[in-house]
Amino acid sequence: MYLDAAKKQEIFEKYGKSNTDTGSAEAQIALFSYRISHLTEHLKLHKKDYTTARSLTKLVGKRRALLNYLKDRDIERYRAIVKALGLRK
């Protein structure tokens, strides 16, 4: 399994307020980014996996919605997470 509990915990420790902080926008964006990168690598090998392609599109939309929310609420937190994850925009 590509995303086990230990990997999630590591992501939440790095980007969340604490290791149990699973609900903050930054933690969710970081988790979505990890999943998006994994699905992107999968689709490079399996080009006709349309179900995964749809899931990837939905995940990108969810991440974009969270980024827009964060941008509206606190621009400094938005800039910090975009820089930390190396996202465009």
Protein backbone atom coordinates (compact mmCIF):
# COMPACT_ATOMS: atom_id res chain seq x y z
CA MET A 1 0.00 0.00 0.00
CA TYR A 2 1.47 3.34 -1.01
CA LEU A 3 -0.08 5.40 1.79
CA ASP A 4 0.12 3.75 5.17
CA ALA A 5 -0.56 5.25 8.58
CA ALA A 6 3.10 6.08 9.17
CA LYS A 7 3.33 8.08 5.93
CA LYS A 8 0.14 9.98 6.77
CA GLN A 9 1.50 10.73 10.24
CA GLU A 10 4.72 12.05 8.70
CA ILE A 11 2.78 14.35 6.35
CA PHE A 12 0.60 15.65 9.18
CA GLU A 13 3.64 16.29 11.39
CA LYS A 14 5.41 18.22 8.66
CA TYR A 15 2.55 20.35 7.35
CA GLY A 16 -0.05 20.34 10.13
CA LYS A 17 0.01 22.18 13.42
CA SER A 18 0.74 18.90 15.25
CA ASN A 19 0.97 15.22 14.41
CA THR A 20 -2.71 14.74 15.26
CA ASP A 21 -3.82 17.74 13.19
CA THR A 22 -5.58 16.04 10.30
CA GLY A 23 -8.19 18.68 9.60
CA SER A 24 -6.24 21.84 8.87
CA ALA A 25 -6.22 23.04 5.29
CA GLU A 26 -2.43 22.76 5.05
CA ALA A 27 -2.43 19.13 6.19
CA GLN A 28 -5.20 18.19 3.77
CA ILE A 29 -3.52 20.00 0.87
CA ALA A 30 -0.24 18.20 1.60
CA LEU A 31 -2.00 14.83 1.73
CA PHE A 32 -3.85 15.53 -1.53
CA SER A 33 -0.56 16.59 -3.15
CA TYR A 34 1.08 13.33 -2.13
CA ARG A 35 -1.84 11.32 -3.51
CA ILE A 36 -1.86 13.38 -6.73
CA SER A 37 1.83 12.72 -7.33
CA HIS A 38 1.32 9.00 -6.77
CA LEU A 39 -1.64 8.84 -9.16
CA THR A 40 0.28 10.84 -11.76
CA GLU A 41 3.10 8.29 -11.69
CA HIS A 42 0.56 5.47 -11.99
CA LEU A 43 -1.05 7.09 -15.03
CA LYS A 44 2.31 7.46 -16.76
CA LEU A 45 2.49 3.66 -16.85
CA HIS A 46 -1.22 2.92 -17.33
CA LYS A 47 -2.48 5.50 -19.81
CA LYS A 48 -5.88 3.89 -20.33
CA ASP A 49 -6.82 3.68 -16.66
CA TYR A 50 -9.74 6.07 -16.96
CA THR A 51 -11.06 5.48 -13.45
CA THR A 52 -7.79 6.61 -11.94
CA ALA A 53 -7.69 9.57 -14.32
CA ARG A 54 -11.12 10.64 -13.09
CA SER A 55 -10.04 10.22 -9.47
CA LEU A 56 -6.98 12.34 -10.17
CA THR A 57 -9.12 15.08 -11.69
CA LYS A 58 -11.40 15.05 -8.63
CA LEU A 59 -8.43 15.23 -6.26
CA VAL A 60 -6.93 18.18 -8.13
CA GLY A 61 -10.29 19.94 -7.87
CA LYS A 62 -10.50 19.30 -4.13
CA ARG A 63 -6.97 20.59 -3.62
CA ARG A 64 -7.74 23.68 -5.72
CA ALA A 65 -10.87 24.36 -3.64
CA LEU A 66 -8.87 24.12 -0.41
CA LEU A 67 -6.18 26.40 -1.82
CA ASN A 68 -8.80 28.94 -2.85
CA TYR A 69 -10.33 28.76 0.64
CA LEU A 70 -6.95 29.29 2.24
CA LYS A 71 -6.15 32.15 -0.14
CA ASP A 72 -9.38 33.93 0.83
CA ARG A 73 -8.92 33.37 4.58
CA ASP A 74 -5.19 33.86 5.14
CA ILE A 75 -2.92 34.79 2.24
CA GLU A 76 0.28 34.19 4.25
CA ARG A 77 -0.66 30.59 5.06
CA TYR A 78 -1.55 30.12 1.38
CA ARG A 79 1.81 31.43 0.21
CA ALA A 80 3.65 29.30 2.76
CA ILE A 81 1.97 26.02 1.73
CA VAL A 82 2.36 26.74 -1.99
CA LYS A 83 6.07 27.42 -1.47
CA ALA A 84 6.56 24.39 0.81
CA LEU A 85 4.92 22.00 -1.64
CA GLY A 86 6.33 23.63 -4.76
CA LEU A 87 2.93 24.15 -6.37
CA ARG A 88 2.36 26.43 -9.30
CA LYS A 89 0.16 29.54 -9.07
